């Protein structure tokens, strides 16, 4: 997981999924619940190709979980941008517009300093802008 990626917060089992789980035998219900929780926290998708029932139930559960996660990410980013704007106001500096702020966050760049927040993210940035020298390279100029 990248440092700028929003961690999944949890899982919610809605009534329609719960009623479907209630109708399943315990072994299948357990498989579905474990897969649902694993996906909700990690994003790891299960493979239910051997069970049509679980595959159909999973498709519905996954789509709801994905919608919940997208709504959560939107809310978290909105709150982070509001906190950034507040901090800018307190420091009497002009805040970046939302689009520029989003771009910084996406690239792992601190919007205040322009510095890369996590060195492992450097590899994902355009080499035209950043040159990385390892400590074992010849340093004689």
C-alpha atoms as a PDB file:
ATOM      1  CA  UNK A   1       0.000   0.000   0.000  1.00  0.00           C
ATOM      2  CA  UNK A   2       1.346   3.413  -0.955  1.00  0.00           C
ATOM      3  CA  UNK A   3       1.595   5.988   1.817  1.00  0.00           C
ATOM      4  CA  UNK A   4      -0.892   8.287   0.096  1.00  0.00           C
ATOM      5  CA  UNK A   5      -3.443   5.503  -0.359  1.00  0.00           C
ATOM      6  CA  UNK A   6      -6.477   5.583   1.916  1.00  0.00           C
ATOM      7  CA  UNK A   7      -6.616   2.540   4.179  1.00  0.00           C
ATOM      8  CA  UNK A   8      -9.870   0.662   4.137  1.00  0.00           C
ATOM      9  CA  UNK A   9     -11.715   1.458   7.354  1.00  0.00           C
ATOM     10  CA  UNK A  10     -13.950  -1.542   7.800  1.00  0.00           C
ATOM     11  CA  UNK A  11     -16.910  -3.498   6.592  1.00  0.00           C
ATOM     12  CA  UNK A  12     -20.630  -3.054   6.788  1.00  0.00           C
ATOM     13  CA  UNK A  13     -23.002  -5.928   6.189  1.00  0.00           C
ATOM     14  CA  UNK A  14     -26.300  -4.606   4.925  1.00  0.00           C
ATOM     15  CA  UNK A  15     -29.619  -6.280   5.611  1.00  0.00           C
ATOM     16  CA  UNK A  16     -29.995  -7.727   2.104  1.00  0.00           C
ATOM     17  CA  UNK A  17     -26.612  -9.479   2.338  1.00  0.00           C
ATOM     18  CA  UNK A  18     -27.280 -10.587   5.918  1.00  0.00           C
ATOM     19  CA  UNK A  19     -30.592 -12.181   4.925  1.00  0.00           C
ATOM     20  CA  UNK A  20     -28.856 -14.024   2.077  1.00  0.00           C
ATOM     21  CA  UNK A  21     -26.115 -15.235   4.420  1.00  0.00           C
ATOM     22  CA  UNK A  22     -28.749 -16.503   6.870  1.00  0.00           C
ATOM     23  CA  UNK A  23     -30.133 -18.805   4.140  1.00  0.00           C
ATOM     24  CA  UNK A  24     -26.730 -20.376   3.414  1.00  0.00           C
ATOM     25  CA  UNK A  25     -25.379 -23.477   5.135  1.00  0.00           C
ATOM     26  CA  UNK A  26     -22.864 -22.547   7.841  1.00  0.00           C
ATOM     27  CA  UNK A  27     -19.802 -23.618   5.835  1.00  0.00           C
ATOM     28  CA  UNK A  28     -20.745 -21.445   2.832  1.00  0.00           C
ATOM     29  CA  UNK A  29     -21.826 -18.558   5.045  1.00  0.00           C
ATOM     30  CA  UNK A  30     -18.463 -18.696   6.819  1.00  0.00           C
ATOM     31  CA  UNK A  31     -16.578 -18.686   3.525  1.00  0.00           C
ATOM     32  CA  UNK A  32     -18.537 -15.677   2.286  1.00  0.00           C
ATOM     33  CA  UNK A  33     -18.163 -13.701   5.517  1.00  0.00           C
ATOM     34  CA  UNK A  34     -14.416 -14.369   5.738  1.00  0.00           C
ATOM     35  CA  UNK A  35     -13.942 -13.386   2.094  1.00  0.00           C
ATOM     36  CA  UNK A  36     -16.069 -10.278   2.582  1.00  0.00           C
ATOM     37  CA  UNK A  37     -14.067  -9.149   5.618  1.00  0.00           C
ATOM     38  CA  UNK A  38     -10.737  -9.906   3.942  1.00  0.00           C
ATOM     39  CA  UNK A  39     -11.747  -7.893   0.879  1.00  0.00           C
ATOM     40  CA  UNK A  40     -13.168  -5.064   2.983  1.00  0.00           C
ATOM     41  CA  UNK A  41      -9.884  -4.602   4.854  1.00  0.00           C
ATOM     42  CA  UNK A  42      -7.278  -5.565   2.260  1.00  0.00           C
ATOM     43  CA  UNK A  43      -8.894  -5.411  -1.176  1.00  0.00           C
ATOM     44  CA  UNK A  44      -7.939  -9.060  -1.847  1.00  0.00           C
ATOM     45  CA  UNK A  45     -10.613 -10.622  -4.052  1.00  0.00           C
ATOM     46  CA  UNK A  46     -11.787 -14.178  -3.383  1.00  0.00           C
ATOM     47  CA  UNK A  47     -12.242 -16.818  -6.056  1.00  0.00           C
ATOM     48  CA  UNK A  48     -15.670 -18.415  -5.867  1.00  0.00           C
ATOM     49  CA  UNK A  49     -15.583 -19.962  -9.340  1.00  0.00           C
ATOM     50  CA  UNK A  50     -16.418 -23.368  -7.824  1.00  0.00           C
ATOM     51  CA  UNK A  51     -19.654 -22.122  -6.219  1.00  0.00           C
ATOM     52  CA  UNK A  52     -22.243 -20.317  -8.314  1.00  0.00           C
ATOM     53  CA  UNK A  53     -24.218 -19.308  -5.201  1.00  0.00           C
ATOM     54  CA  UNK A  54     -21.216 -17.693  -3.511  1.00  0.00           C
ATOM     55  CA  UNK A  55     -20.095 -16.122  -6.783  1.00  0.00           C
ATOM     56  CA  UNK A  56     -23.481 -14.416  -7.268  1.00  0.00           C
ATOM     57  CA  UNK A  57     -23.701 -13.262  -3.647  1.00  0.00           C
ATOM     58  CA  UNK A  58     -20.103 -12.067  -3.807  1.00  0.00           C
ATOM     59  CA  UNK A  59     -20.745  -9.921  -6.886  1.00  0.00           C
ATOM     60  CA  UNK A  60     -23.479  -8.016  -5.039  1.00  0.00           C
ATOM     61  CA  UNK A  61     -21.494  -7.717  -1.807  1.00  0.00           C
ATOM     62  CA  UNK A  62     -18.382  -6.525  -3.652  1.00  0.00           C
ATOM     63  CA  UNK A  63     -20.190  -3.791  -5.536  1.00  0.00           C
ATOM     64  CA  UNK A  64     -21.651  -2.410  -2.295  1.00  0.00           C
ATOM     65  CA  UNK A  65     -18.289  -2.582  -0.536  1.00  0.00           C
ATOM     66  CA  UNK A  66     -16.614  -0.794  -3.452  1.00  0.00           C
ATOM     67  CA  UNK A  67     -19.232   1.985  -3.362  1.00  0.00           C
ATOM     68  CA  UNK A  68     -18.768   2.349   0.398  1.00  0.00           C
ATOM     69  CA  UNK A  69     -14.978   2.506   0.015  1.00  0.00           C
ATOM     70  CA  UNK A  70     -15.155   5.155  -2.725  1.00  0.00           C
ATOM     71  CA  UNK A  71     -17.506   7.270  -0.597  1.00  0.00           C
ATOM     72  CA  UNK A  72     -15.155   6.872   2.375  1.00  0.00           C
ATOM     73  CA  UNK A  73     -12.101   7.875   0.308  1.00  0.00           C
ATOM     74  CA  UNK A  74     -13.934  10.956  -0.977  1.00  0.00           C
ATOM     75  CA  UNK A  75     -14.850  11.982   2.556  1.00  0.00           C
ATOM     76  CA  UNK A  76     -11.321  11.415   3.901  1.00  0.00           C
ATOM     77  CA  UNK A  77      -9.720  13.418   1.087  1.00  0.00           C
ATOM     78  CA  UNK A  78     -12.259  16.221   1.496  1.00  0.00           C
ATOM     79  CA  UNK A  79     -11.454  16.397   5.215  1.00  0.00           C
ATOM     80  CA  UNK A  80      -7.696  16.312   4.555  1.00  0.00           C
ATOM     81  CA  UNK A  81      -7.987  19.165   2.055  1.00  0.00           C
ATOM     82  CA  UNK A  82     -10.050  21.197   4.547  1.00  0.00           C
ATOM     83  CA  UNK A  83      -7.382  20.626   7.213  1.00  0.00           C
ATOM     84  CA  UNK A  84      -4.680  21.653   4.724  1.00  0.00           C
ATOM     85  CA  UNK A  85      -6.570  24.882   3.887  1.00  0.00           C
ATOM     86  CA  UNK A  86      -7.012  25.635   7.586  1.00  0.00           C
ATOM     87  CA  UNK A  87      -3.299  25.142   8.210  1.00  0.00           C
ATOM     88  CA  UNK A  88      -2.471  27.411   5.244  1.00  0.00           C
ATOM     89  CA  UNK A  89      -4.773  30.083   6.630  1.00  0.00           C
ATOM     90  CA  UNK A  90      -3.154  29.812  10.068  1.00  0.00           C
ATOM     91  CA  UNK A  91       0.293  30.156   8.496  1.00  0.00           C
ATOM     92  CA  UNK A  92      -0.949  32.997   6.248  1.00  0.00           C
ATOM     93  CA  UNK A  93       0.059  31.254   3.043  1.00  0.00           C
ATOM     94  CA  UNK A  94      -1.969  30.729  -0.098  1.00  0.00           C
ATOM     95  CA  UNK A  95      -3.403  27.230  -0.343  1.00  0.00           C
ATOM     96  CA  UNK A  96      -3.166  25.207  -3.522  1.00  0.00           C
ATOM     97  CA  UNK A  97      -6.393  24.795  -5.451  1.00  0.00           C
ATOM     98  CA  UNK A  98      -8.071  21.409  -4.907  1.00  0.00           C
ATOM     99  CA  UNK A  99      -6.873  20.004  -8.259  1.00  0.00           C
ATOM    100  CA  UNK A 100      -3.229  20.919  -7.573  1.00  0.00           C
ATOM    101  CA  UNK A 101      -3.504  19.569  -4.029  1.00  0.00           C
ATOM    102  CA  UNK A 102      -4.971  16.304  -5.362  1.00  0.00           C
ATOM    103  CA  UNK A 103      -2.068  16.003  -7.798  1.00  0.00           C
ATOM    104  CA  UNK A 104       0.479  16.474  -4.999  1.00  0.00           C
ATOM    105  CA  UNK A 105      -1.230  13.862  -2.848  1.00  0.00           C
ATOM    106  CA  UNK A 106      -1.462  11.431  -5.776  1.00  0.00           C
ATOM    107  CA  UNK A 107       2.293  11.787  -6.428  1.00  0.00           C
ATOM    108  CA  UNK A 108       3.212  11.536  -2.732  1.00  0.00           C
ATOM    109  CA  UNK A 109       4.443  15.133  -2.553  1.00  0.00           C
ATOM    110  CA  UNK A 110       3.907  17.243   0.560  1.00  0.00           C
ATOM    111  CA  UNK A 111       1.762  20.225  -0.562  1.00  0.00           C
ATOM    112  CA  UNK A 112       3.537  22.538   1.916  1.00  0.00           C
ATOM    113  CA  UNK A 113       7.160  21.794   1.107  1.00  0.00           C
ATOM    114  CA  UNK A 114       7.085  20.201  -2.331  1.00  0.00           C
ATOM    115  CA  UNK A 115       9.167  17.382  -0.851  1.00  0.00           C
ATOM    116  CA  UNK A 116       8.524  13.738  -1.478  1.00  0.00           C
ATOM    117  CA  UNK A 117       6.900  12.247   1.622  1.00  0.00           C
ATOM    118  CA  UNK A 118       8.141   8.697   1.123  1.00  0.00           C
ATOM    119  CA  UNK A 119      11.368   7.855  -0.668  1.00  0.00           C
ATOM    120  CA  UNK A 120       9.851   4.644  -2.049  1.00  0.00           C
ATOM    121  CA  UNK A 121       7.435   6.848  -4.032  1.00  0.00           C
ATOM    122  CA  UNK A 122      10.346   8.472  -5.897  1.00  0.00           C
ATOM    123  CA  UNK A 123      10.418   5.579  -8.363  1.00  0.00           C
ATOM    124  CA  UNK A 124       6.927   6.472  -9.528  1.00  0.00           C
ATOM    125  CA  UNK A 125       7.814  10.068 -10.336  1.00  0.00           C
ATOM    126  CA  UNK A 126       9.026  11.261 -13.700  1.00  0.00           C
ATOM    127  CA  UNK A 127      12.799  10.745 -14.032  1.00  0.00           C
ATOM    128  CA  UNK A 128      13.047  14.044 -15.920  1.00  0.00           C
ATOM    129  CA  UNK A 129      12.346  15.844 -12.663  1.00  0.00           C
ATOM    130  CA  UNK A 130      14.113  13.674 -10.112  1.00  0.00           C
ATOM    131  CA  UNK A 131      17.514  12.011 -10.338  1.00  0.00           C
ATOM    132  CA  UNK A 132      18.379   9.496  -7.697  1.00  0.00           C
ATOM    133  CA  UNK A 133      21.995   8.748  -6.831  1.00  0.00           C
ATOM    134  CA  UNK A 134      22.789   5.700  -4.758  1.00  0.00           C
ATOM    135  CA  UNK A 135      25.544   5.882  -2.143  1.00  0.00           C
ATOM    136  CA  UNK A 136      27.715   3.349  -3.984  1.00  0.00           C
ATOM    137  CA  UNK A 137      27.993   5.358  -7.199  1.00  0.00           C
ATOM    138  CA  UNK A 138      31.207   7.153  -8.078  1.00  0.00           C
ATOM    139  CA  UNK A 139      30.953  10.565  -6.464  1.00  0.00           C
ATOM    140  CA  UNK A 140      34.036  12.102  -8.095  1.00  0.00           C
ATOM    141  CA  UNK A 141      33.200  14.978 -10.380  1.00  0.00           C
END
